[in-house]
Amino acid sequence: MTPVDSDSLATLSLVAVYSAIAVYVLAFIAFVLDLSARSARGLKLDAERERDAAASGDVDARRGQLAGASAAARGAVAGATATAAGVLERASSIGGASTGSNGAGSTATVDDEVNIGSRWQRTGLALTVIAWLIHVAAIVMRGLAAGRVPWANMFEFAMTGTGVIVTVFLIVQFWRDLRFLGAYVTGIVALLLGLATVNFYVAVTPLPPPLQSAWLVIHVFVATLGTGFFAVGAGLSILQLMQVRREAGGMQRVPLLRTLPSSEALESMAYRVIVVGFAFWTFTLIAGAIWAERAWGRYWGWDTKEVWTFVIWVVFAGYIHARATKGWRGSRAAYLAVIGFTAVLFNFTIVNLFFKGLHSYSGLDLDTGM
């Protein structure tokens, strides 16, 4: 490939990145509008339940009054007793019909609407798929322009890592309907991709000697897979913490939460997603040690990047242990999941930018060397 072809592909890749960001923002707006629609449905659900409770209370009151009248009329003539019994029976039938029409039927209708999803939700998912396709095209063109895998510096890793996050989000839709995470996923991807493009963009450069290894393909790609699953798991854990508060009597002014799964269901989904990410991260840690021995002659050297990779592993190992321990399930485990993903972001940003070491491969001028 000639240098002109390489420059053209790099330029097209950058244009595709900006285009993907724009479509991600549109998808984010659509998902936010869906959340607004969910809030409206949550308010409708609350109104239906309050009306059902009021109707049930009226029927109970009438039944109590009739029961008192029946007790007071004991010993009266059989005709009066029969009349009171007939009134009670009619009131019971009226109450049953009222509960059936205003209770389960209305609630089921609202729940069905929530499960089906609004048109904004479907629009948001369609836009996410379009943005993802453009995003993948940008990654492929960057790789072709560089003549290698496109994750050798901070910009390329951010471009590939955010693409993997969206890929994981789209794939898990075949397992569970997690479209309610759409605003979280598209929002964080658009933000990270935008910041990386504006602040970390570098031209295509050759690989430094330590990165000229097949382990670059294996180690870094598996790390991005783990990051993608951790991101989705953190989003589920954040919603879990909000649901726990609502179920305990708080956050009653957030009707959106009434349309989402229970805290236990969210915890179960988050756990399964994070376990997959933890398996990838474990392999990342092992592969990194093997690569370090090949490149520098030692498996472990307490380099800042190595230490933080291990810290992240310990946090998520603690999460999995906490999830298996009865006393630490629920909110405590969810906090560990959020802390773990925060540590991943810290490792990618702060550690890469402000800590010097053998892993200083951001590609920016502030690096002391490659």
Foldseek 3Di string as FASTA:
>chain_A
DDLVLLVVLLVLLLVLLVVLLVLLVVLLVLLVVLLVVLLVLLVVLVVLVVVLVVLLVVLVVVLVVLVVVLVVCPPPDPVVNVVSVVVNVVSVVVSVVVCVVSPPVVNVVSLVDLVVGDPSLVVSVVSLVVSLVSLVSSQVSNCVSQVHHQDQALLSLLSVLLSLLSVVVVVCCVVPNPSNCSNVSSVVNSVSNVCCSVPQDDRRDHHDVLCPDPLVVVLSVLLSNLLSLLSVLLSLLVLLVVLVQVVVPPPPVSSSNVSDDHSVVSLVVSLVSNVVSLVSLVVNLQSCLVSCCVRPNGSDDPAVLNVLSVVLNVLSVVLNVLCVDPVNPGNNSSVSSNVSSVSVVCSSPVCQQPPADPSNRNPDPSHPDD
